[in-house]
Amino acid sequence: MKKIVTLLTLTVTCVGLYAADATKREIDVVMKEAMKGDTSLHKKVATGKGTPEDAAKLLDYVKSLPAESPPEGDAASWKSKTAKLIEAAQAVADGKPGATQLLQTAGNCKACHSEHKGK
């Protein structure tokens, strides 16, 4: 019986670890799939044209950024910028007043790229 419980525990743990990594995305994937372009998920959500599902999806994307290392720049700056982006995306997902403006500011491409984007 102990062997079965141990095996089940290991199986659940492995499945849980796999699920936790399922939403882990590299920076270039987040930029391409959520942030880039006039029709991007970020643009839709930040201008108030996205659905609640879009806001939740954007939040999921940006939550993976702090775990990544930027190609250039200071790690503390990266953590600060990504934390502000997550906070703004969360505010939109929660329907807080003025949140789209916060997201527009936090998602300013040039502000982050000038310091952290590789050449």
PDB file of N, CA and C in Angstrom:
ATOM      1  N   MET A   1       0.828  -1.189   0.000  1.00  0.00           N
ATOM      2  CA  MET A   1       0.000   0.000   0.000  1.00  0.00           C
ATOM      3  C   MET A   1       0.876   1.258   0.000  1.00  0.00           C
ATOM      4  N   LYS A   2       1.964   1.244   0.772  1.00  0.00           N
ATOM      5  CA  LYS A   2       2.857   2.396   0.822  1.00  0.00           C
ATOM      6  C   LYS A   2       3.465   2.662  -0.551  1.00  0.00           C
ATOM      7  N   LYS A   3       3.776   1.585  -1.283  1.00  0.00           N
ATOM      8  CA  LYS A   3       4.363   1.750  -2.608  1.00  0.00           C
ATOM      9  C   LYS A   3       3.377   2.411  -3.563  1.00  0.00           C
ATOM     10  N   ILE A   4       2.124   2.056  -3.448  1.00  0.00           N
ATOM     11  CA  ILE A   4       1.105   2.653  -4.312  1.00  0.00           C
ATOM     12  C   ILE A   4       0.934   4.133  -3.987  1.00  0.00           C
ATOM     13  N   VAL A   5       0.890   4.467  -2.706  1.00  0.00           N
ATOM     14  CA  VAL A   5       0.754   5.860  -2.292  1.00  0.00           C
ATOM     15  C   VAL A   5       1.971   6.663  -2.762  1.00  0.00           C
ATOM     16  N   THR A   6       3.153   6.105  -2.617  1.00  0.00           N
ATOM     17  CA  THR A   6       4.374   6.777  -3.051  1.00  0.00           C
ATOM     18  C   THR A   6       4.356   6.997  -4.561  1.00  0.00           C
ATOM     19  N   LEU A   7       3.971   5.971  -5.292  1.00  0.00           N
ATOM     20  CA  LEU A   7       3.894   6.082  -6.744  1.00  0.00           C
ATOM     21  C   LEU A   7       2.880   7.139  -7.173  1.00  0.00           C
ATOM     22  N   LEU A   8       1.729   7.156  -6.531  1.00  0.00           N
ATOM     23  CA  LEU A   8       0.713   8.165  -6.846  1.00  0.00           C
ATOM     24  C   LEU A   8       1.204   9.572  -6.516  1.00  0.00           C
ATOM     25  N   THR A   9       1.885   9.703  -5.392  1.00  0.00           N
ATOM     26  CA  THR A   9       2.432  11.001  -4.999  1.00  0.00           C
ATOM     27  C   THR A   9       3.440  11.483  -6.021  1.00  0.00           C
ATOM     28  N   LEU A  10       4.332  10.612  -6.454  1.00  0.00           N
ATOM     29  CA  LEU A  10       5.320  10.985  -7.467  1.00  0.00           C
ATOM     30  C   LEU A  10       4.655  11.351  -8.786  1.00  0.00           C
ATOM     31  N   THR A  11       3.641  10.620  -9.165  1.00  0.00           N
ATOM     32  CA  THR A  11       2.933  10.900 -10.411  1.00  0.00           C
ATOM     33  C   THR A  11       2.263  12.260 -10.355  1.00  0.00           C
ATOM     34  N   VAL A  12       1.581  12.548  -9.263  1.00  0.00           N
ATOM     35  CA  VAL A  12       0.912  13.835  -9.106  1.00  0.00           C
ATOM     36  C   VAL A  12       1.937  14.963  -9.091  1.00  0.00           C
ATOM     37  N   THR A  13       3.058  14.758  -8.420  1.00  0.00           N
ATOM     38  CA  THR A  13       4.106  15.773  -8.369  1.00  0.00           C
ATOM     39  C   THR A  13       4.657  16.047  -9.758  1.00  0.00           C
ATOM     40  N   CYS A  14       4.930  15.003 -10.509  1.00  0.00           N
ATOM     41  CA  CYS A  14       5.462  15.178 -11.871  1.00  0.00           C
ATOM     42  C   CYS A  14       4.466  15.887 -12.772  1.00  0.00           C
ATOM     43  N   VAL A  15       3.212  15.517 -12.682  1.00  0.00           N
ATOM     44  CA  VAL A  15       2.180  16.174 -13.485  1.00  0.00           C
ATOM     45  C   VAL A  15       2.081  17.639 -13.082  1.00  0.00           C
ATOM     46  N   GLY A  16       2.151  17.914 -11.800  1.00  0.00           N
ATOM     47  CA  GLY A  16       2.095  19.294 -11.311  1.00  0.00           C
ATOM     48  C   GLY A  16       3.266  20.114 -11.812  1.00  0.00           C
ATOM     49  N   LEU A  17       4.455  19.542 -11.820  1.00  0.00           N
ATOM     50  CA  LEU A  17       5.625  20.245 -12.326  1.00  0.00           C
ATOM     51  C   LEU A  17       5.493  20.504 -13.819  1.00  0.00           C
ATOM     52  N   TYR A  18       5.001  19.534 -14.558  1.00  0.00           N
ATOM     53  CA  TYR A  18       4.802  19.714 -15.991  1.00  0.00           C
ATOM     54  C   TYR A  18       3.799  20.828 -16.243  1.00  0.00           C
ATOM     55  N   ALA A  19       2.723  20.861 -15.510  1.00  0.00           N
ATOM     56  CA  ALA A  19       1.699  21.886 -15.689  1.00  0.00           C
ATOM     57  C   ALA A  19       2.249  23.263 -15.344  1.00  0.00           C
ATOM     58  N   ALA A  20       3.102  23.341 -14.319  1.00  0.00           N
ATOM     59  CA  ALA A  20       3.682  24.621 -13.928  1.00  0.00           C
ATOM     60  C   ALA A  20       4.566  25.173 -15.037  1.00  0.00           C
ATOM     61  N   ASP A  21       5.275  24.303 -15.750  1.00  0.00           N
ATOM     62  CA  ASP A  21       6.142  24.740 -16.829  1.00  0.00           C
ATOM     63  C   ASP A  21       5.388  25.005 -18.124  1.00  0.00           C
ATOM     64  N   ALA A  22       4.154  24.565 -18.209  1.00  0.00           N
ATOM     65  CA  ALA A  22       3.394  24.696 -19.448  1.00  0.00           C
ATOM     66  C   ALA A  22       3.210  26.151 -19.849  1.00  0.00           C
ATOM     67  N   THR A  23       3.128  27.070 -18.900  1.00  0.00           N
ATOM     68  CA  THR A  23       2.935  28.473 -19.236  1.00  0.00           C
ATOM     69  C   THR A  23       4.243  29.261 -19.229  1.00  0.00           C
ATOM     70  N   LYS A  24       5.345  28.611 -18.979  1.00  0.00           N
ATOM     71  CA  LYS A  24       6.637  29.290 -19.009  1.00  0.00           C
ATOM     72  C   LYS A  24       6.963  29.602 -20.469  1.00  0.00           C
ATOM     73  N   ARG A  25       7.247  30.847 -20.723  1.00  0.00           N
ATOM     74  CA  ARG A  25       7.544  31.266 -22.092  1.00  0.00           C
ATOM     75  C   ARG A  25       8.790  32.129 -22.111  1.00  0.00           C
ATOM     76  N   GLU A  26       9.564  31.996 -23.154  1.00  0.00           N
ATOM     77  CA  GLU A  26      10.749  32.829 -23.317  1.00  0.00           C
ATOM     78  C   GLU A  26      10.324  34.226 -23.764  1.00  0.00           C
ATOM     79  N   ILE A  27      11.206  35.178 -23.551  1.00  0.00           N
ATOM     80  CA  ILE A  27      10.916  36.584 -23.851  1.00  0.00           C
ATOM     81  C   ILE A  27      10.462  36.763 -25.297  1.00  0.00           C
ATOM     82  N   ASP A  28      11.191  36.165 -26.241  1.00  0.00           N
ATOM     83  CA  ASP A  28      10.845  36.371 -27.645  1.00  0.00           C
ATOM     84  C   ASP A  28       9.458  35.817 -27.987  1.00  0.00           C
ATOM     85  N   VAL A  29       9.046  34.765 -27.310  1.00  0.00           N
ATOM     86  CA  VAL A  29       7.714  34.202 -27.532  1.00  0.00           C
ATOM     87  C   VAL A  29       6.649  35.166 -27.002  1.00  0.00           C
ATOM     88  N   VAL A  30       6.869  35.710 -25.821  1.00  0.00           N
ATOM     89  CA  VAL A  30       5.919  36.674 -25.241  1.00  0.00           C
ATOM     90  C   VAL A  30       5.817  37.901 -26.143  1.00  0.00           C
ATOM     91  N   MET A  31       6.955  38.393 -26.603  1.00  0.00           N
ATOM     92  CA  MET A  31       6.936  39.579 -27.465  1.00  0.00           C
ATOM     93  C   MET A  31       6.179  39.290 -28.762  1.00  0.00           C
ATOM     94  N   LYS A  32       6.474  38.170 -29.383  1.00  0.00           N
ATOM     95  CA  LYS A  32       5.857  37.835 -30.673  1.00  0.00           C
ATOM     96  C   LYS A  32       4.361  37.546 -30.535  1.00  0.00           C
ATOM     97  N   GLU A  33       3.993  36.762 -29.539  1.00  0.00           N
ATOM     98  CA  GLU A  33       2.613  36.302 -29.422  1.00  0.00           C
ATOM     99  C   GLU A  33       1.686  37.253 -28.668  1.00  0.00           C
ATOM    100  N   ALA A  34       2.252  38.142 -27.855  1.00  0.00           N
ATOM    101  CA  ALA A  34       1.375  38.983 -27.033  1.00  0.00           C
ATOM    102  C   ALA A  34       1.614  40.487 -27.144  1.00  0.00           C
ATOM    103  N   MET A  35       2.805  40.900 -27.505  1.00  0.00           N
ATOM    104  CA  MET A  35       3.128  42.317 -27.398  1.00  0.00           C
ATOM    105  C   MET A  35       3.334  43.043 -28.730  1.00  0.00           C
ATOM    106  N   LYS A  36       3.725  42.344 -29.755  1.00  0.00           N
ATOM    107  CA  LYS A  36       4.173  42.989 -30.992  1.00  0.00           C
ATOM    108  C   LYS A  36       3.036  43.334 -31.947  1.00  0.00           C
ATOM    109  N   GLY A  37       3.053  44.566 -32.420  1.00  0.00           N
ATOM    110  CA  GLY A  37       2.157  44.973 -33.487  1.00  0.00           C
ATOM    111  C   GLY A  37       0.886  45.677 -33.045  1.00  0.00           C
ATOM    112  N   ASP A  38       0.274  46.304 -34.031  1.00  0.00           N
ATOM    113  CA  ASP A  38      -0.949  47.070 -33.779  1.00  0.00           C
ATOM    114  C   ASP A  38      -2.165  46.188 -33.541  1.00  0.00           C
ATOM    115  N   THR A  39      -2.055  44.914 -33.863  1.00  0.00           N
ATOM    116  CA  THR A  39      -3.175  43.992 -33.627  1.00  0.00           C
ATOM    117  C   THR A  39      -2.861  43.012 -32.501  1.00  0.00           C
ATOM    118  N   SER A  40      -1.854  43.340 -31.714  1.00  0.00           N
ATOM    119  CA  SER A  40      -1.410  42.431 -30.651  1.00  0.00           C
ATOM    120  C   SER A  40      -2.428  42.327 -29.524  1.00  0.00           C
ATOM    121  N   LEU A  41      -2.265  41.290 -28.758  1.00  0.00           N
ATOM    122  CA  LEU A  41      -3.087  41.080 -27.563  1.00  0.00           C
ATOM    123  C   LEU A  41      -2.920  42.264 -26.608  1.00  0.00           C
ATOM    124  N   HIS A  42      -1.693  42.710 -26.415  1.00  0.00           N
ATOM    125  CA  HIS A  42      -1.424  43.851 -25.540  1.00  0.00           C
ATOM    126  C   HIS A  42      -2.160  45.095 -26.025  1.00  0.00           C
ATOM    127  N   LYS A  43      -2.059  45.377 -27.308  1.00  0.00           N
ATOM    128  CA  LYS A  43      -2.707  46.574 -27.866  1.00  0.00           C
ATOM    129  C   LYS A  43      -4.222  46.509 -27.669  1.00  0.00           C
ATOM    130  N   LYS A  44      -4.807  45.346 -27.934  1.00  0.00           N
ATOM    131  CA  LYS A  44      -6.252  45.187 -27.752  1.00  0.00           C
ATOM    132  C   LYS A  44      -6.653  45.446 -26.304  1.00  0.00           C
ATOM    133  N   VAL A  45      -5.939  44.842 -25.389  1.00  0.00           N
ATOM    134  CA  VAL A  45      -6.288  44.952 -23.969  1.00  0.00           C
ATOM    135  C   VAL A  45      -6.004  46.364 -23.455  1.00  0.00           C
ATOM    136  N   ALA A  46      -4.860  46.930 -23.842  1.00  0.00           N
ATOM    137  CA  ALA A  46      -4.467  48.250 -23.339  1.00  0.00           C
ATOM    138  C   ALA A  46      -5.358  49.375 -23.858  1.00  0.00           C
ATOM    139  N   THR A  47      -6.021  49.155 -24.983  1.00  0.00           N
ATOM    140  CA  THR A  47      -6.922  50.178 -25.522  1.00  0.00           C
ATOM    141  C   THR A  47      -8.376  49.925 -25.145  1.00  0.00           C
ATOM    142  N   GLY A  48      -8.601  48.906 -24.315  1.00  0.00           N
ATOM    143  CA  GLY A  48      -9.950  48.620 -23.847  1.00  0.00           C
ATOM    144  C   GLY A  48     -10.805  47.855 -24.842  1.00  0.00           C
ATOM    145  N   LYS A  49     -10.192  47.339 -25.905  1.00  0.00           N
ATOM    146  CA  LYS A  49     -10.941  46.619 -26.937  1.00  0.00           C
ATOM    147  C   LYS A  49     -10.895  45.108 -26.753  1.00  0.00           C
ATOM    148  N   GLY A  50     -10.148  44.659 -25.760  1.00  0.00           N
ATOM    149  CA  GLY A  50     -10.043  43.227 -25.510  1.00  0.00           C
ATOM    150  C   GLY A  50     -11.145  42.718 -24.604  1.00  0.00           C
ATOM    151  N   THR A  51     -11.345  41.433 -24.657  1.00  0.00           N
ATOM    152  CA  THR A  51     -12.335  40.775 -23.792  1.00  0.00           C
ATOM    153  C   THR A  51     -11.688  40.445 -22.447  1.00  0.00           C
ATOM    154  N   PRO A  52     -12.476  40.062 -21.466  1.00  0.00           N
ATOM    155  CA  PRO A  52     -11.893  39.593 -20.204  1.00  0.00           C
ATOM    156  C   PRO A  52     -10.951  38.389 -20.430  1.00  0.00           C
ATOM    157  N   GLU A  53     -11.286  37.554 -21.396  1.00  0.00           N
ATOM    158  CA  GLU A  53     -10.422  36.410 -21.716  1.00  0.00           C
ATOM    159  C   GLU A  53      -9.091  36.887 -22.289  1.00  0.00           C
ATOM    160  N   ASP A  54      -9.121  37.936 -23.121  1.00  0.00           N
ATOM    161  CA  ASP A  54      -7.889  38.516 -23.659  1.00  0.00           C
ATOM    162  C   ASP A  54      -7.017  39.051 -22.528  1.00  0.00           C
ATOM    163  N   ALA A  55      -7.635  39.731 -21.576  1.00  0.00           N
ATOM    164  CA  ALA A  55      -6.891  40.291 -20.445  1.00  0.00           C
ATOM    165  C   ALA A  55      -6.245  39.183 -19.621  1.00  0.00           C
ATOM    166  N   ALA A  56      -6.973  38.103 -19.399  1.00  0.00           N
ATOM    167  CA  ALA A  56      -6.427  36.971 -18.638  1.00  0.00           C
ATOM    168  C   ALA A  56      -5.281  36.308 -19.401  1.00  0.00           C
ATOM    169  N   LYS A  57      -5.424  36.202 -20.701  1.00  0.00           N
ATOM    170  CA  LYS A  57      -4.378  35.589 -21.531  1.00  0.00           C
ATOM    171  C   LYS A  57      -3.118  36.459 -21.523  1.00  0.00           C
ATOM    172  N   LEU A  58      -3.298  37.764 -21.643  1.00  0.00           N
ATOM    173  CA  LEU A  58      -2.153  38.676 -21.583  1.00  0.00           C
ATOM    174  C   LEU A  58      -1.451  38.561 -20.236  1.00  0.00           C
ATOM    175  N   LEU A  59      -2.218  38.536 -19.176  1.00  0.00           N
ATOM    176  CA  LEU A  59      -1.646  38.391 -17.836  1.00  0.00           C
ATOM    177  C   LEU A  59      -0.825  37.115 -17.738  1.00  0.00           C
ATOM    178  N   ASP A  60      -1.334  36.030 -18.281  1.00  0.00           N
ATOM    179  CA  ASP A  60      -0.615  34.765 -18.282  1.00  0.00           C
ATOM    180  C   ASP A  60       0.722  34.904 -19.015  1.00  0.00           C
ATOM    181  N   TYR A  61       0.716  35.570 -20.156  1.00  0.00           N
ATOM    182  CA  TYR A  61       1.955  35.776 -20.911  1.00  0.00           C
ATOM    183  C   TYR A  61       2.971  36.580 -20.105  1.00  0.00           C
ATOM    184  N   VAL A  62       2.556  37.735 -19.578  1.00  0.00           N
ATOM    185  CA  VAL A  62       3.530  38.615 -18.924  1.00  0.00           C
ATOM    186  C   VAL A  62       4.040  38.057 -17.598  1.00  0.00           C
ATOM    187  N   LYS A  63       3.279  37.181 -16.975  1.00  0.00           N
ATOM    188  CA  LYS A  63       3.741  36.591 -15.713  1.00  0.00           C
ATOM    189  C   LYS A  63       4.991  35.734 -15.894  1.00  0.00           C
ATOM    190  N   SER A  64       5.263  35.299 -17.100  1.00  0.00           N
ATOM    191  CA  SER A  64       6.448  34.474 -17.329  1.00  0.00           C
ATOM    192  C   SER A  64       7.721  35.305 -17.495  1.00  0.00           C
ATOM    193  N   LEU A  65       7.604  36.601 -17.704  1.00  0.00           N
ATOM    194  CA  LEU A  65       8.772  37.431 -17.994  1.00  0.00           C
ATOM    195  C   LEU A  65       9.789  37.554 -16.855  1.00  0.00           C
ATOM    196  N   PRO A  66       9.394  37.757 -15.599  1.00  0.00           N
ATOM    197  CA  PRO A  66      10.410  37.937 -14.555  1.00  0.00           C
ATOM    198  C   PRO A  66      11.365  36.754 -14.390  1.00  0.00           C
ATOM    199  N   ALA A  67      10.942  35.572 -14.749  1.00  0.00           N
ATOM    200  CA  ALA A  67      11.798  34.386 -14.613  1.00  0.00           C
ATOM    201  C   ALA A  67      12.880  34.333 -15.691  1.00  0.00           C
ATOM    202  N   GLU A  68      12.715  35.122 -16.739  1.00  0.00           N
ATOM    203  CA  GLU A  68      13.677  35.149 -17.834  1.00  0.00           C
ATOM    204  C   GLU A  68      14.764  36.188 -17.564  1.00  0.00           C
ATOM    205  N   SER A  69      15.889  36.027 -18.233  1.00  0.00           N
ATOM    206  CA  SER A  69      16.976  37.004 -18.144  1.00  0.00           C
ATOM    207  C   SER A  69      17.017  37.792 -19.436  1.00  0.00           C
ATOM    208  N   PRO A  70      17.000  39.121 -19.345  1.00  0.00           N
ATOM    209  CA  PRO A  70      17.023  39.919 -20.572  1.00  0.00           C
ATOM    210  C   PRO A  70      18.396  39.826 -21.250  1.00  0.00           C
ATOM    211  N   PRO A  71      18.436  40.029 -22.569  1.00  0.00           N
ATOM    212  CA  PRO A  71      19.708  39.956 -23.279  1.00  0.00           C
ATOM    213  C   PRO A  71      20.716  40.998 -22.805  1.00  0.00           C
ATOM    214  N   GLU A  72      20.234  42.141 -22.346  1.00  0.00           N
ATOM    215  CA  GLU A  72      21.099  43.218 -21.867  1.00  0.00           C
ATOM    216  C   GLU A  72      20.465  43.886 -20.659  1.00  0.00           C
ATOM    217  N   GLY A  73      21.268  44.661 -19.964  1.00  0.00           N
ATOM    218  CA  GLY A  73      20.740  45.495 -18.897  1.00  0.00           C
ATOM    219  C   GLY A  73      20.777  44.870 -17.515  1.00  0.00           C
ATOM    220  N   ASP A  74      20.410  45.687 -16.576  1.00  0.00           N
ATOM    221  CA  ASP A  74      20.441  45.365 -15.160  1.00  0.00           C
ATOM    222  C   ASP A  74      19.273  44.463 -14.760  1.00  0.00           C
ATOM    223  N   ALA A  75      19.565  43.411 -14.012  1.00  0.00           N
ATOM    224  CA  ALA A  75      18.526  42.464 -13.581  1.00  0.00           C
ATOM    225  C   ALA A  75      17.474  43.144 -12.698  1.00  0.00           C
ATOM    226  N   ALA A  76      17.892  44.069 -11.856  1.00  0.00           N
ATOM    227  CA  ALA A  76      16.949  44.762 -10.971  1.00  0.00           C
ATOM    228  C   ALA A  76      15.969  45.605 -11.790  1.00  0.00           C
ATOM    229  N   SER A  77      16.458  46.244 -12.833  1.00  0.00           N
ATOM    230  CA  SER A  77      15.600  47.028 -13.705  1.00  0.00           C
ATOM    231  C   SER A  77      14.601  46.123 -14.418  1.00  0.00           C
ATOM    232  N   TRP A  78      15.066  44.971 -14.883  1.00  0.00           N
ATOM    233  CA  TRP A  78      14.188  44.002 -15.553  1.00  0.00           C
ATOM    234  C   TRP A  78      13.079  43.551 -14.612  1.00  0.00           C
ATOM    235  N   LYS A  79      13.436  43.226 -13.392  1.00  0.00           N
ATOM    236  CA  LYS A  79      12.436  42.778 -12.406  1.00  0.00           C
ATOM    237  C   LYS A  79      11.419  43.888 -12.142  1.00  0.00           C
ATOM    238  N   SER A  80      11.896  45.113 -12.035  1.00  0.00           N
ATOM    239  CA  SER A  80      11.005  46.244 -11.764  1.00  0.00           C
ATOM    240  C   SER A  80      10.041  46.484 -12.926  1.00  0.00           C
ATOM    241  N   LYS A  81      10.569  46.495 -14.141  1.00  0.00           N
ATOM    242  CA  LYS A  81       9.728  46.747 -15.314  1.00  0.00           C
ATOM    243  C   LYS A  81       8.706  45.630 -15.522  1.00  0.00           C
ATOM    244  N   THR A  82       9.135  44.393 -15.358  1.00  0.00           N
ATOM    245  CA  THR A  82       8.200  43.280 -15.554  1.00  0.00           C
ATOM    246  C   THR A  82       7.162  43.229 -14.431  1.00  0.00           C
ATOM    247  N   ALA A  83       7.568  43.612 -13.224  1.00  0.00           N
ATOM    248  CA  ALA A  83       6.607  43.652 -12.110  1.00  0.00           C
ATOM    249  C   ALA A  83       5.525  44.695 -12.377  1.00  0.00           C
ATOM    250  N   LYS A  84       5.917  45.850 -12.918  1.00  0.00           N
ATOM    251  CA  LYS A  84       4.934  46.893 -13.243  1.00  0.00           C
ATOM    252  C   LYS A  84       4.003  46.433 -14.361  1.00  0.00           C
ATOM    253  N   LEU A  85       4.540  45.706 -15.326  1.00  0.00           N
ATOM    254  CA  LEU A  85       3.723  45.190 -16.416  1.00  0.00           C
ATOM    255  C   LEU A  85       2.706  44.177 -15.896  1.00  0.00           C
ATOM    256  N   ILE A  86       3.154  43.300 -15.016  1.00  0.00           N
ATOM    257  CA  ILE A  86       2.254  42.308 -14.419  1.00  0.00           C
ATOM    258  C   ILE A  86       1.179  42.999 -13.580  1.00  0.00           C
ATOM    259  N   GLU A  87       1.586  43.969 -12.787  1.00  0.00           N
ATOM    260  CA  GLU A  87       0.640  44.700 -11.940  1.00  0.00           C
ATOM    261  C   GLU A  87      -0.431  45.387 -12.791  1.00  0.00           C
ATOM    262  N   ALA A  88      -0.014  45.995 -13.893  1.00  0.00           N
ATOM    263  CA  ALA A  88      -0.965  46.670 -14.774  1.00  0.00           C
ATOM    264  C   ALA A  88      -1.885  45.669 -15.465  1.00  0.00           C
ATOM    265  N   ALA A  89      -1.333  44.569 -15.946  1.00  0.00           N
ATOM    266  CA  ALA A  89      -2.154  43.537 -16.601  1.00  0.00           C
ATOM    267  C   ALA A  89      -3.147  42.932 -15.611  1.00  0.00           C
ATOM    268  N   GLN A  90      -2.722  42.756 -14.364  1.00  0.00           N
ATOM    269  CA  GLN A  90      -3.612  42.234 -13.325  1.00  0.00           C
ATOM    270  C   GLN A  90      -4.741  43.223 -13.051  1.00  0.00           C
ATOM    271  N   ALA A  91      -4.409  44.506 -13.023  1.00  0.00           N
ATOM    272  CA  ALA A  91      -5.422  45.533 -12.773  1.00  0.00           C
ATOM    273  C   ALA A  91      -6.486  45.533 -13.877  1.00  0.00           C
ATOM    274  N   VAL A  92      -6.049  45.347 -15.127  1.00  0.00           N
ATOM    275  CA  VAL A  92      -7.012  45.278 -16.226  1.00  0.00           C
ATOM    276  C   VAL A  92      -7.866  44.025 -16.073  1.00  0.00           C
ATOM    277  N   ALA A  93      -7.231  42.905 -15.797  1.00  0.00           N
ATOM    278  CA  ALA A  93      -7.967  41.646 -15.625  1.00  0.00           C
ATOM    279  C   ALA A  93      -8.977  41.747 -14.484  1.00  0.00           C
ATOM    280  N   ASP A  94      -8.652  42.534 -13.462  1.00  0.00           N
ATOM    281  CA  ASP A  94      -9.546  42.719 -12.319  1.00  0.00           C
ATOM    282  C   ASP A  94     -10.599  43.804 -12.564  1.00  0.00           C
ATOM    283  N   GLY A  95     -10.498  44.487 -13.705  1.00  0.00           N
ATOM    284  CA  GLY A  95     -11.478  45.514 -14.052  1.00  0.00           C
ATOM    285  C   GLY A  95     -11.345  46.803 -13.266  1.00  0.00           C
ATOM    286  N   LYS A  96     -10.143  47.120 -12.809  1.00  0.00           N
ATOM    287  CA  LYS A  96      -9.939  48.337 -12.019  1.00  0.00           C
ATOM    288  C   LYS A  96      -9.973  49.577 -12.909  1.00  0.00           C
ATOM    289  N   PRO A  97     -10.555  50.661 -12.410  1.00  0.00           N
ATOM    290  CA  PRO A  97     -10.616  51.904 -13.185  1.00  0.00           C
ATOM    291  C   PRO A  97      -9.206  52.432 -13.489  1.00  0.00           C
ATOM    292  N   GLY A  98      -9.021  52.924 -14.707  1.00  0.00           N
ATOM    293  CA  GLY A  98      -7.734  53.491 -15.103  1.00  0.00           C
ATOM    294  C   GLY A  98      -6.666  52.463 -15.409  1.00  0.00           C
ATOM    295  N   ALA A  99      -7.002  51.196 -15.359  1.00  0.00           N
ATOM    296  CA  ALA A  99      -6.005  50.144 -15.541  1.00  0.00           C
ATOM    297  C   ALA A  99      -5.449  50.093 -16.961  1.00  0.00           C
ATOM    298  N   THR A 100      -6.263  50.419 -17.952  1.00  0.00           N
ATOM    299  CA  THR A 100      -5.754  50.365 -19.328  1.00  0.00           C
ATOM    300  C   THR A 100      -4.645  51.395 -19.535  1.00  0.00           C
ATOM    301  N   GLN A 101      -4.778  52.552 -18.908  1.00  0.00           N
ATOM    302  CA  GLN A 101      -3.718  53.563 -19.018  1.00  0.00           C
ATOM    303  C   GLN A 101      -2.436  53.071 -18.344  1.00  0.00           C
ATOM    304  N   LEU A 102      -2.573  52.421 -17.201  1.00  0.00           N
ATOM    305  CA  LEU A 102      -1.408  51.845 -16.541  1.00  0.00           C
ATOM    306  C   LEU A 102      -0.728  50.811 -17.441  1.00  0.00           C
ATOM    307  N   LEU A 103      -1.530  50.006 -18.114  1.00  0.00           N
ATOM    308  CA  LEU A 103      -0.991  48.979 -19.000  1.00  0.00           C
ATOM    309  C   LEU A 103      -0.295  49.601 -20.208  1.00  0.00           C
ATOM    310  N   GLN A 104      -0.845  50.683 -20.730  1.00  0.00           N
ATOM    311  CA  GLN A 104      -0.193  51.367 -21.844  1.00  0.00           C
ATOM    312  C   GLN A 104       1.176  51.887 -21.433  1.00  0.00           C
ATOM    313  N   THR A 105       1.266  52.447 -20.244  1.00  0.00           N
ATOM    314  CA  THR A 105       2.534  52.973 -19.745  1.00  0.00           C
ATOM    315  C   THR A 105       3.514  51.853 -19.443  1.00  0.00           C
ATOM    316  N   ALA A 106       3.071  50.837 -18.749  1.00  0.00           N
ATOM    317  CA  ALA A 106       3.949  49.726 -18.369  1.00  0.00           C
ATOM    318  C   ALA A 106       4.398  48.913 -19.579  1.00  0.00           C
ATOM    319  N   GLY A 107       3.582  48.888 -20.623  1.00  0.00           N
ATOM    320  CA  GLY A 107       3.904  48.114 -21.817  1.00  0.00           C
ATOM    321  C   GLY A 107       4.589  48.922 -22.901  1.00  0.00           C
ATOM    322  N   ASN A 108       5.130  50.084 -22.541  1.00  0.00           N
ATOM    323  CA  ASN A 108       5.837  50.929 -23.496  1.00  0.00           C
ATOM    324  C   ASN A 108       7.077  50.193 -24.011  1.00  0.00           C
ATOM    325  N   CYS A 109       7.051  49.823 -25.262  1.00  0.00           N
ATOM    326  CA  CYS A 109       8.126  49.014 -25.850  1.00  0.00           C
ATOM    327  C   CYS A 109       9.491  49.685 -25.734  1.00  0.00           C
ATOM    328  N   LYS A 110       9.569  50.936 -26.142  1.00  0.00           N
ATOM    329  CA  LYS A 110      10.855  51.635 -26.180  1.00  0.00           C
ATOM    330  C   LYS A 110      11.494  51.744 -24.796  1.00  0.00           C
ATOM    331  N   ALA A 111      10.691  51.983 -23.780  1.00  0.00           N
ATOM    332  CA  ALA A 111      11.230  52.135 -22.432  1.00  0.00           C
ATOM    333  C   ALA A 111      11.967  50.878 -21.982  1.00  0.00           C
ATOM    334  N   CYS A 112      11.459  49.728 -22.366  1.00  0.00           N
ATOM    335  CA  CYS A 112      12.099  48.469 -21.973  1.00  0.00           C
ATOM    336  C   CYS A 112      13.174  48.068 -22.979  1.00  0.00           C
ATOM    337  N   HIS A 113      12.883  48.181 -24.259  1.00  0.00           N
ATOM    338  CA  HIS A 113      13.821  47.747 -25.289  1.00  0.00           C
ATOM    339  C   HIS A 113      15.117  48.539 -25.272  1.00  0.00           C
ATOM    340  N   SER A 114      15.052  49.838 -24.991  1.00  0.00           N
ATOM    341  CA  SER A 114      16.263  50.649 -24.991  1.00  0.00           C
ATOM    342  C   SER A 114      17.264  50.172 -23.940  1.00  0.00           C
ATOM    343  N   GLU A 115      16.784  49.555 -22.898  1.00  0.00           N
ATOM    344  CA  GLU A 115      17.663  49.078 -21.830  1.00  0.00           C
ATOM    345  C   GLU A 115      17.937  47.580 -21.890  1.00  0.00           C
ATOM    346  N   HIS A 116      16.978  46.803 -22.358  1.00  0.00           N
ATOM    347  CA  HIS A 116      17.087  45.353 -22.205  1.00  0.00           C
ATOM    348  C   HIS A 116      17.131  44.522 -23.483  1.00  0.00           C
ATOM    349  N   LYS A 117      16.775  45.078 -24.614  1.00  0.00           N
ATOM    350  CA  LYS A 117      16.756  44.287 -25.838  1.00  0.00           C
ATOM    351  C   LYS A 117      18.166  44.110 -26.382  1.00  0.00           C
ATOM    352  N   GLY A 118      18.500  42.913 -26.747  1.00  0.00           N
ATOM    353  CA  GLY A 118      19.802  42.652 -27.348  1.00  0.00           C
ATOM    354  C   GLY A 118      19.862  43.212 -28.751  1.00  0.00           C
ATOM    355  N   LYS A 119      21.044  43.294 -29.253  1.00  0.00           N
ATOM    356  CA  LYS A 119      21.242  43.859 -30.596  1.00  0.00           C
ATOM    357  C   LYS A 119      20.961  42.868 -31.667  1.00  0.00           C
TER     358      LYS A 119
END
